[in-house]
Amino acid sequence: MKDDSFLGRLNRWARNSVTLKLFVIGILILLLLIPVSMVISLIRERENIRNEAIREVSSKWGDDQTIAGPVISVPYRSTRLNEEGKAAITRGYVHFLPDSIDIRGQVDPQKRYRGIYMVVLYNAQLELSGRFNGLNAEALSVPEEDIQWEDALFTIGISDMKGIEEAIPVRINDTTYQFGPGTVTNDILESGASFPIRLSRESASALDFSFRLNLNGSSSLHFTPFGKATTASIQSSWPDPSFEGAFLPDKRTVSGEGFSANWKVLQLNRNYAQQGEGAYIGSIPPKPSNIYTDEYSPFRTSTNAFGFRLLLPIDEYQKAMRSAKYAAYFVLITFLSFFFIEVLNRKRLHPIQYILVGSAIILFYILLLSISEHFNFDTAYLIACIIILALITGYCSYILSNRRLTGMMFGILALLYGFFYSLLQLQDYALLLGSLGLLLILATIMYLTRNIDWYALGREEEEE
């Protein structure tokens, strides 16, 4: 017997109302966004653990390296009368950059592991040569008689001194010197090696220099264009370089066996002169120890440095993050599919069943993340997809009790996983393909529901 009381009518309305069902589904989707955000936080946490492992290994081998210079720095001492008529002494350094710098080198990459994480290291064998065609003191604001040529310093900038493997002898004209640790003045270079060189205004007319660097580093290598003409030629067996900094190479060749690149930078390409007083280029601060190397690059902004980075061919965390950003769309489309199965085939599904299916969808991204840390991303995606498809399809076979509907849900889910995987593979056309895919899904839903009388659905079920 039908219950005509208020509670009875309310119960029938709650069971048969399409509007209420859609409202409940919307609430469930919003609730499932909470674990989606937790999955995204988990991906960031695992990525930070990976970065910490890279920092730990790099700190012992050598961080990303930047070679700056060489620079000749000469102290000066000026005595002037101030407004009170007393002698005021001013001290500082004037700096001279070379007319030409030529860099040639071979970079040999190495792979090291910290737990499950791979770290890209390298050893660079570099040959640097060049020439100072006279030190133009007349272009300075400091009187030439105040410059103490006999106390000059020859300095090379190296961003992480831990990477130096051998002593660095320097040939200047016919004399051999040895670099010592540290920079006496921090006007231009915060980290590096230097040695004193006795000069006179006459002896500084032409200085040819050459030296070799055996240097360890990680991830990236950059150079500063301190010469009037700075040329660099680098070869490496690493097949996945990223050329970055202020200047791209004039010529480059990249293949499965490695890469070679050539740069040529002129003084007109940068915004500082060949000589100056004090920190006229801009002091280069050291990298804070708590900042990951990819997030901090002072040399590139302050000295127009150029170079390359040794990229990992696959970053599973970036792909997992991109995949997780589609989770909300996946849950929405899956829930809409279940809703239309309810409407068109008169099947009743409880909100708890929606939540269980949504939880399985979110579990896919956790499986994807955990498996991709041990296998390549494509294999991890396939394994996680098979597991979740089997789980949801098996569950649907019980709650729907219909092979045709179960096969339909399997096809929809398989199609969605394939569609979102294709989006992950596309860089330039991901937005275009994604928008067209969502347009096609919406058009399909509109076509399948074009003849449904939504107002009559609840009334028909109540009459039955």
Protein backbone atom coordinates (compact mmCIF):
# COMPACT_ATOMS: atom_id res chain seq x y z
CA MET A 1 0.00 0.00 0.00
CA LYS A 2 1.32 3.42 -0.97
CA ASP A 3 2.09 5.68 1.96
CA ASP A 4 0.36 9.07 1.32
CA SER A 5 1.73 10.75 4.43
CA PHE A 6 4.12 13.68 4.17
CA LEU A 7 7.13 11.49 5.01
CA GLY A 8 6.05 8.90 2.49
CA ARG A 9 5.72 11.47 -0.29
CA LEU A 10 9.06 13.02 0.72
CA ASN A 11 10.73 9.62 0.59
CA ARG A 12 9.31 8.88 -2.87
CA TRP A 13 10.41 12.30 -4.11
CA ALA A 14 13.91 11.77 -2.76
CA ARG A 15 14.15 8.37 -4.47
CA ASN A 16 12.77 9.52 -7.83
CA SER A 17 13.89 13.15 -8.18
CA VAL A 18 16.40 13.60 -11.00
CA THR A 19 17.25 17.08 -9.74
CA LEU A 20 18.11 15.81 -6.28
CA LYS A 21 20.21 13.03 -7.80
CA LEU A 22 22.23 15.53 -9.84
CA PHE A 23 22.64 17.70 -6.76
CA VAL A 24 23.96 14.75 -4.74
CA ILE A 25 26.36 13.80 -7.55
CA GLY A 26 27.66 17.38 -7.63
CA ILE A 27 28.26 17.29 -3.88
CA LEU A 28 30.09 13.97 -4.21
CA ILE A 29 32.34 15.37 -6.96
CA LEU A 30 33.21 18.37 -4.76
CA LEU A 31 34.00 16.03 -1.85
CA LEU A 32 36.27 13.92 -4.05
CA LEU A 33 38.25 17.05 -4.97
CA ILE A 34 39.68 16.88 -1.42
CA PRO A 35 41.54 13.58 -1.99
CA VAL A 36 42.53 14.84 -5.46
CA SER A 37 44.28 17.81 -3.83
CA MET A 38 45.90 15.38 -1.39
CA VAL A 39 47.24 13.34 -4.31
CA ILE A 40 48.71 16.50 -5.88
CA SER A 41 50.34 17.33 -2.52
CA LEU A 42 51.75 13.79 -2.40
CA ILE A 43 53.29 14.23 -5.85
CA ARG A 44 54.92 17.49 -4.75
CA GLU A 45 56.19 15.83 -1.58
CA ARG A 46 57.80 12.97 -3.51
CA GLU A 47 59.31 15.45 -5.95
CA ASN A 48 60.79 17.42 -3.05
CA ILE A 49 62.29 14.21 -1.65
CA ARG A 50 63.83 13.57 -5.08
CA ASN A 51 65.22 17.11 -5.18
CA GLU A 52 66.67 16.69 -1.71
CA ALA A 53 68.44 13.53 -2.85
CA ILE A 54 69.85 15.43 -5.83
CA ARG A 55 71.03 18.25 -3.55
CA GLU A 56 72.72 15.80 -1.22
CA VAL A 57 74.68 14.05 -3.99
CA SER A 58 75.47 17.31 -5.83
CA SER A 59 76.74 18.98 -2.66
CA LYS A 60 79.45 16.33 -2.38
CA TRP A 61 80.35 16.14 -6.08
CA GLY A 62 79.72 19.69 -7.31
CA ASP A 63 76.62 21.81 -7.97
CA ASP A 64 75.69 23.33 -11.30
CA GLN A 65 78.74 25.28 -12.43
CA THR A 66 79.28 28.69 -13.97
CA ILE A 67 82.69 29.78 -15.25
CA ALA A 68 83.15 33.56 -15.14
CA GLY A 69 86.12 35.53 -16.33
CA PRO A 70 89.02 35.77 -16.16
CA VAL A 71 89.23 39.28 -14.75
CA ILE A 72 92.25 41.41 -13.87
CA SER A 73 91.56 43.46 -10.75
CA VAL A 74 93.93 46.24 -9.69
CA PRO A 75 93.68 48.08 -6.36
CA TYR A 76 93.79 51.86 -6.16
CA ARG A 77 94.28 54.36 -3.38
CA SER A 78 93.13 57.94 -3.87
CA THR A 79 93.68 60.80 -1.47
CA ARG A 80 91.40 63.84 -1.75
CA LEU A 81 90.54 66.81 0.42
CA ASN A 82 87.01 66.75 1.80
CA GLU A 83 84.80 69.79 2.49
CA GLU A 84 86.55 70.35 5.82
CA GLY A 85 89.95 70.46 4.16
CA LYS A 86 91.04 67.12 5.62
CA ALA A 87 92.59 64.33 3.58
CA ALA A 88 90.12 61.56 2.75
CA ILE A 89 91.46 58.24 1.51
CA THR A 90 89.41 56.14 -0.93
CA ARG A 91 90.33 52.53 -1.60
CA GLY A 92 88.91 50.05 -4.05
CA TYR A 93 89.54 47.99 -7.16
CA VAL A 94 89.33 48.67 -10.84
CA HIS A 95 88.56 45.71 -13.08
CA PHE A 96 89.55 44.86 -16.65
CA LEU A 97 87.88 42.22 -18.82
CA PRO A 98 89.71 40.37 -21.62
CA ASP A 99 89.41 41.26 -25.28
CA SER A 100 88.93 37.65 -26.32
CA ILE A 101 87.95 34.41 -24.59
CA ASP A 102 87.92 31.04 -26.27
CA ILE A 103 86.47 28.02 -24.42
CA ARG A 104 86.72 24.47 -25.67
CA GLY A 105 85.69 21.42 -23.73
CA GLN A 106 84.39 17.91 -23.40
CA VAL A 107 81.64 17.16 -20.87
CA ASP A 108 81.37 13.54 -19.76
CA PRO A 109 78.04 12.81 -17.99
CA GLN A 110 77.66 10.29 -15.18
CA LYS A 111 74.58 8.77 -13.55
CA ARG A 112 74.54 8.25 -9.79
CA TYR A 113 71.74 6.93 -7.61
CA ARG A 114 70.53 7.93 -4.19
CA GLY A 115 68.01 5.28 -3.23
CA ILE A 116 65.55 5.07 -6.12
CA TYR A 117 66.47 8.53 -7.47
CA MET A 118 68.88 9.16 -10.32
CA VAL A 119 71.23 12.16 -10.26
CA VAL A 120 72.94 13.51 -13.38
CA LEU A 121 76.57 14.50 -12.74
CA TYR A 122 79.38 15.40 -15.14
CA ASN A 123 83.10 15.94 -15.43
CA ALA A 124 84.15 18.78 -17.71
CA GLN A 125 87.61 19.05 -19.29
CA LEU A 126 87.85 22.68 -20.36
CA GLU A 127 90.57 24.65 -22.12
CA LEU A 128 90.34 28.43 -21.75
CA SER A 129 92.52 30.86 -23.65
CA GLY A 130 92.36 34.52 -24.57
CA ARG A 131 94.07 37.89 -24.63
CA PHE A 132 94.08 41.25 -22.87
CA ASN A 133 95.00 43.81 -25.53
CA GLY A 134 96.08 46.43 -23.03
CA LEU A 135 94.32 47.63 -19.90
CA ASN A 136 92.53 50.88 -20.76
CA ALA A 137 92.94 52.89 -17.56
CA GLU A 138 92.07 56.14 -19.36
CA ALA A 139 88.43 55.04 -19.56
CA LEU A 140 88.20 54.91 -15.75
CA SER A 141 87.15 57.64 -13.35
CA VAL A 142 90.16 56.79 -11.15
CA PRO A 143 93.35 58.76 -11.92
CA GLU A 144 95.99 56.49 -13.42
CA GLU A 145 98.62 57.54 -10.90
CA ASP A 146 96.43 56.15 -8.08
CA ILE A 147 96.30 52.65 -9.58
CA GLN A 148 98.68 50.18 -7.90
CA TRP A 149 99.64 48.01 -10.88
CA GLU A 150 102.16 45.97 -8.93
CA ASP A 151 99.39 44.51 -6.72
CA ALA A 152 97.11 43.31 -9.53
CA LEU A 153 95.07 40.10 -9.25
CA PHE A 154 94.17 37.59 -11.95
CA THR A 155 90.84 35.98 -11.02
CA ILE A 156 88.61 33.29 -12.47
CA GLY A 157 85.05 32.76 -11.23
CA ILE A 158 83.90 29.21 -10.40
CA SER A 159 80.51 28.96 -8.76
CA ASP A 160 81.23 25.77 -6.75
CA MET A 161 84.86 25.25 -5.80
CA LYS A 162 84.23 21.69 -4.58
CA GLY A 163 84.16 20.59 -8.20
CA ILE A 164 87.83 21.39 -8.92
CA GLU A 165 89.71 18.13 -9.45
CA GLU A 166 93.26 19.31 -10.18
CA ALA A 167 95.59 22.26 -9.65
CA ILE A 168 95.17 25.02 -12.22
CA PRO A 169 98.44 26.27 -13.74
CA VAL A 170 98.06 29.39 -15.89
CA ARG A 171 100.32 30.45 -18.71
CA ILE A 172 100.47 34.25 -19.12
CA ASN A 173 102.79 35.27 -21.95
CA ASP A 174 105.99 33.38 -21.06
CA THR A 175 105.34 32.95 -17.31
CA THR A 176 103.47 30.17 -15.49
CA TYR A 177 101.39 30.93 -12.40
CA GLN A 178 99.24 28.82 -10.08
CA PHE A 179 95.70 29.70 -9.08
CA GLY A 180 95.10 29.93 -5.35
CA PRO A 181 91.73 29.55 -3.61
CA GLY A 182 89.32 32.42 -3.15
CA THR A 183 88.71 35.86 -4.60
CA VAL A 184 90.36 38.78 -2.83
CA THR A 185 87.68 41.20 -3.94
CA ASN A 186 83.99 40.34 -4.23
CA ASP A 187 83.14 43.25 -6.50
CA ILE A 188 82.39 40.96 -9.43
CA LEU A 189 82.97 37.35 -8.39
CA GLU A 190 81.85 35.85 -5.10
CA SER A 191 83.51 32.47 -5.62
CA GLY A 192 86.57 31.44 -7.56
CA ALA A 193 90.37 31.30 -7.67
CA SER A 194 93.01 34.01 -8.05
CA PHE A 195 96.71 34.81 -7.87
CA PRO A 196 98.75 38.05 -7.67
CA ILE A 197 100.45 39.29 -10.80
CA ARG A 198 102.89 42.22 -10.89
CA LEU A 199 102.07 44.58 -13.70
CA SER A 200 103.11 47.98 -14.86
CA ARG A 201 101.28 50.26 -17.20
CA GLU A 202 103.71 49.30 -19.93
CA SER A 203 103.82 45.54 -19.24
CA ALA A 204 100.02 45.33 -19.33
CA SER A 205 99.88 46.29 -22.98
CA ALA A 206 99.26 42.69 -24.15
CA LEU A 207 98.67 39.59 -22.03
CA ASP A 208 97.97 36.18 -23.57
CA PHE A 209 96.62 33.57 -21.15
CA SER A 210 95.69 29.90 -21.28
CA PHE A 211 94.81 27.27 -18.69
CA ARG A 212 92.87 24.03 -18.24
CA LEU A 213 90.05 23.19 -15.87
CA ASN A 214 89.19 19.70 -14.66
CA LEU A 215 85.82 20.40 -13.12
CA ASN A 216 83.02 18.32 -11.61
CA GLY A 217 79.46 19.57 -11.60
CA SER A 218 75.83 18.51 -11.78
CA SER A 219 72.93 19.27 -14.11
CA SER A 220 74.18 22.44 -15.83
CA LEU A 221 77.25 24.32 -17.04
CA HIS A 222 77.28 28.03 -17.94
CA PHE A 223 79.82 30.61 -19.12
CA THR A 224 79.92 34.39 -18.89
CA PRO A 225 80.64 36.56 -21.97
CA PHE A 226 83.33 38.75 -20.35
CA GLY A 227 85.34 39.12 -23.56
CA LYS A 228 84.84 41.60 -26.33
CA ALA A 229 84.38 38.38 -28.27
CA THR A 230 83.57 35.22 -26.32
CA THR A 231 83.49 31.91 -28.16
CA ALA A 232 82.70 28.48 -26.74
CA SER A 233 82.68 25.01 -28.26
CA ILE A 234 81.35 22.15 -26.11
CA GLN A 235 80.87 18.47 -26.87
CA SER A 236 79.18 15.81 -24.75
CA SER A 237 77.79 12.27 -25.02
CA TRP A 238 74.53 13.28 -23.26
CA PRO A 239 71.63 12.98 -25.75
CA ASP A 240 69.13 15.32 -24.03
CA PRO A 241 70.57 18.84 -23.55
CA SER A 242 68.60 21.99 -22.91
CA PHE A 243 70.37 25.11 -24.16
CA GLU A 244 69.55 28.00 -21.88
CA GLY A 245 70.74 31.33 -20.56
CA ALA A 246 70.94 34.67 -22.34
CA PHE A 247 72.19 33.29 -25.67
CA LEU A 248 71.41 30.20 -27.72
CA PRO A 249 74.23 28.46 -29.61
CA ASP A 250 74.97 29.62 -33.14
CA LYS A 251 75.44 26.01 -34.22
CA ARG A 252 74.33 22.85 -32.49
CA THR A 253 74.01 19.17 -33.28
CA VAL A 254 71.95 16.81 -31.10
CA SER A 255 71.67 13.06 -31.68
CA GLY A 256 71.37 9.82 -29.77
CA GLU A 257 75.17 9.78 -29.40
CA GLY A 258 75.35 13.21 -27.76
CA PHE A 259 75.54 16.87 -28.74
CA SER A 260 77.94 19.59 -29.79
CA ALA A 261 77.29 23.33 -29.57
CA ASN A 262 79.12 26.53 -30.51
CA TRP A 263 78.47 30.03 -29.17
CA LYS A 264 79.85 33.44 -30.13
CA VAL A 265 78.90 36.46 -28.01
CA LEU A 266 80.11 40.04 -28.59
CA GLN A 267 80.48 42.84 -26.05
CA LEU A 268 77.65 44.66 -27.84
CA ASN A 269 75.33 41.83 -26.80
CA ARG A 270 75.66 42.69 -23.10
CA ASN A 271 75.13 45.80 -21.00
CA TYR A 272 78.46 46.44 -19.25
CA ALA A 273 81.82 47.81 -20.35
CA GLN A 274 85.23 46.15 -20.57
CA GLN A 275 86.53 48.06 -17.57
CA GLY A 276 85.01 49.65 -14.51
CA GLU A 277 85.35 50.50 -10.83
CA GLY A 278 83.94 48.43 -7.97
CA ALA A 279 80.90 46.23 -8.55
CA TYR A 280 80.09 47.85 -11.87
CA ILE A 281 78.79 44.61 -13.40
CA GLY A 282 76.76 43.66 -10.36
CA SER A 283 77.93 41.35 -7.63
CA ILE A 284 76.92 37.73 -8.13
CA PRO A 285 75.53 36.34 -4.86
CA PRO A 286 76.23 32.72 -3.89
CA LYS A 287 73.42 30.19 -4.19
CA PRO A 288 71.58 29.65 -0.87
CA SER A 289 71.96 26.08 0.36
CA ASN A 290 68.19 25.61 0.77
CA ILE A 291 67.30 26.39 -2.85
CA TYR A 292 67.26 23.72 -5.53
CA THR A 293 69.59 24.40 -8.44
CA ASP A 294 66.74 24.70 -11.00
CA GLU A 295 65.15 27.50 -8.96
CA TYR A 296 68.18 29.78 -8.62
CA SER A 297 70.40 31.14 -11.37
CA PRO A 298 71.98 34.49 -10.43
CA PHE A 299 74.73 34.24 -13.06
CA ARG A 300 72.22 34.16 -15.89
CA THR A 301 70.50 37.36 -14.82
CA SER A 302 73.52 39.38 -13.67
CA THR A 303 76.13 38.47 -16.28
CA ASN A 304 74.14 37.29 -19.33
CA ALA A 305 75.61 33.82 -18.98
CA PHE A 306 74.88 31.09 -21.51
CA GLY A 307 75.19 27.33 -21.42
CA PHE A 308 73.23 24.12 -21.20
CA ARG A 309 71.49 21.74 -18.83
CA LEU A 310 71.64 17.95 -18.94
CA LEU A 311 67.99 16.97 -18.86
CA LEU A 312 66.55 13.67 -17.73
CA PRO A 313 64.59 12.27 -20.70
CA ILE A 314 61.53 11.56 -18.50
CA ASP A 315 60.44 13.37 -15.37
CA GLU A 316 57.79 11.10 -13.87
CA TYR A 317 56.71 13.71 -11.33
CA GLN A 318 55.88 16.34 -13.93
CA LYS A 319 53.86 13.82 -15.94
CA ALA A 320 52.12 12.51 -12.82
CA MET A 321 51.25 16.10 -11.87
CA ARG A 322 49.84 16.81 -15.33
CA SER A 323 47.85 13.58 -15.16
CA ALA A 324 46.41 14.41 -11.70
CA LYS A 325 45.17 17.77 -12.98
CA TYR A 326 42.68 15.87 -15.17
CA ALA A 327 41.32 13.87 -12.22
CA ALA A 328 38.32 16.15 -11.70
CA TYR A 329 37.27 15.77 -15.36
CA PHE A 330 37.68 12.00 -15.11
CA VAL A 331 35.47 11.77 -12.02
CA LEU A 332 32.86 14.09 -13.58
CA ILE A 333 32.60 12.13 -16.83
CA THR A 334 32.47 8.77 -15.00
CA PHE A 335 29.73 9.96 -12.65
CA LEU A 336 27.73 11.38 -15.56
CA SER A 337 28.00 8.00 -17.30
CA PHE A 338 26.60 6.25 -14.23
CA PHE A 339 23.86 8.88 -13.94
CA PHE A 340 22.68 8.34 -17.53
CA ILE A 341 22.77 4.58 -17.00
CA GLU A 342 20.40 5.17 -14.07
CA VAL A 343 18.13 7.44 -16.11
CA LEU A 344 18.03 5.56 -19.40
CA ASN A 345 18.08 2.00 -18.06
CA ARG A 346 16.11 2.42 -14.80
CA LYS A 347 19.02 1.26 -12.60
CA ARG A 348 19.29 2.61 -9.08
CA LEU A 349 22.76 3.37 -7.70
CA HIS A 350 23.40 4.51 -4.16
CA PRO A 351 25.68 7.51 -3.42
CA ILE A 352 28.01 5.11 -1.58
CA GLN A 353 28.53 3.24 -4.84
CA TYR A 354 29.43 6.51 -6.56
CA ILE A 355 31.97 7.24 -3.81
CA LEU A 356 33.57 3.80 -4.14
CA VAL A 357 33.99 4.20 -7.91
CA GLY A 358 35.36 7.74 -7.43
CA SER A 359 37.82 6.44 -4.83
CA ALA A 360 39.05 3.83 -7.31
CA ILE A 361 39.62 6.56 -9.91
CA ILE A 362 41.70 8.60 -7.44
CA LEU A 363 43.63 5.48 -6.42
CA PHE A 364 44.78 5.28 -10.06
CA TYR A 365 46.93 8.40 -9.61
CA ILE A 366 48.55 7.07 -6.42
CA LEU A 367 49.36 3.81 -8.21
CA LEU A 368 50.69 5.78 -11.19
CA LEU A 369 53.00 7.81 -8.96
CA SER A 370 54.33 4.88 -6.94
CA ILE A 371 54.90 2.60 -9.95
CA SER A 372 56.52 5.35 -12.06
CA GLU A 373 59.26 5.71 -9.43
CA HIS A 374 60.45 2.21 -10.35
CA PHE A 375 59.45 1.86 -14.03
CA ASN A 376 59.18 4.30 -16.92
CA PHE A 377 56.03 6.42 -17.01
CA ASP A 378 54.37 4.67 -19.96
CA THR A 379 54.69 1.25 -18.31
CA ALA A 380 53.44 2.66 -15.00
CA TYR A 381 50.41 4.21 -16.72
CA LEU A 382 49.55 0.92 -18.43
CA ILE A 383 49.86 -1.12 -15.21
CA ALA A 384 47.80 1.34 -13.13
CA CYS A 385 45.19 1.58 -15.90
CA ILE A 386 44.77 -2.21 -16.12
CA ILE A 387 44.42 -2.54 -12.33
CA ILE A 388 41.78 0.19 -11.99
CA LEU A 389 39.87 -0.91 -15.10
CA ALA A 390 39.68 -4.46 -13.72
CA LEU A 391 38.58 -3.17 -10.31
CA ILE A 392 35.82 -0.85 -11.56
CA THR A 393 34.60 -3.25 -14.26
CA GLY A 394 34.35 -6.11 -11.76
CA TYR A 395 32.43 -3.87 -9.36
CA CYS A 396 30.08 -2.69 -12.13
CA SER A 397 29.25 -6.27 -13.08
CA TYR A 398 27.72 -6.70 -9.60
CA ILE A 399 26.00 -3.36 -9.10
CA LEU A 400 24.60 -3.15 -12.64
CA SER A 401 23.90 -6.89 -13.12
CA ASN A 402 23.98 -6.37 -16.86
CA ARG A 403 26.78 -7.44 -19.21
CA ARG A 404 25.93 -4.85 -21.82
CA LEU A 405 26.03 -1.97 -19.32
CA THR A 406 29.20 -3.34 -17.73
CA GLY A 407 30.86 -3.56 -21.14
CA MET A 408 29.71 -0.02 -21.88
CA MET A 409 31.31 1.30 -18.68
CA PHE A 410 34.51 -0.60 -19.48
CA GLY A 411 34.61 0.98 -22.93
CA ILE A 412 33.96 4.47 -21.57
CA LEU A 413 36.70 4.16 -18.94
CA ALA A 414 39.20 2.65 -21.39
CA LEU A 415 38.46 5.44 -23.86
CA LEU A 416 38.95 8.08 -21.16
CA TYR A 417 42.26 6.62 -20.01
CA GLY A 418 43.46 6.48 -23.62
CA PHE A 419 42.31 10.04 -24.27
CA PHE A 420 44.01 11.51 -21.21
CA TYR A 421 47.19 9.54 -21.95
CA SER A 422 47.31 11.09 -25.42
CA LEU A 423 47.03 14.53 -23.80
CA LEU A 424 50.08 13.76 -21.66
CA GLN A 425 52.14 12.92 -24.74
CA LEU A 426 51.36 16.20 -26.48
CA GLN A 427 53.11 19.38 -25.45
CA ASP A 428 52.10 21.91 -28.10
CA TYR A 429 48.64 20.55 -28.93
CA ALA A 430 47.45 19.31 -25.51
CA LEU A 431 45.08 22.26 -24.98
CA LEU A 432 43.65 22.01 -28.48
CA LEU A 433 43.07 18.26 -28.28
CA GLY A 434 41.68 18.54 -24.74
CA SER A 435 39.16 21.23 -25.66
CA LEU A 436 38.06 19.32 -28.77
CA GLY A 437 37.70 16.12 -26.73
CA LEU A 438 35.54 17.82 -24.10
CA LEU A 439 33.47 19.38 -26.89
CA LEU A 440 32.91 15.92 -28.40
CA ILE A 441 31.90 14.48 -25.02
CA LEU A 442 29.42 17.30 -24.41
CA ALA A 443 27.99 16.93 -27.91
CA THR A 444 27.56 13.16 -27.37
CA ILE A 445 25.73 13.72 -24.08
CA MET A 446 23.46 16.32 -25.66
CA TYR A 447 22.69 13.97 -28.56
CA LEU A 448 21.88 10.96 -26.35
CA THR A 449 19.61 13.01 -24.07
CA ARG A 450 17.88 15.11 -26.72
CA ASN A 451 14.53 13.28 -26.39
CA ILE A 452 14.40 12.88 -22.60
CA ASP A 453 11.57 14.64 -20.76
CA TRP A 454 13.41 15.38 -17.52
CA TYR A 455 10.28 16.65 -15.73
CA ALA A 456 8.40 13.43 -16.49
CA LEU A 457 11.09 11.00 -15.30
CA GLY A 458 10.37 11.20 -11.58
CA ARG A 459 6.58 11.20 -12.11
CA GLU A 460 6.70 8.11 -14.33
CA GLU A 461 8.76 6.15 -11.79
CA GLU A 462 6.39 7.16 -8.98
CA GLU A 463 3.35 6.01 -10.98
CA GLU A 464 5.03 2.68 -11.74
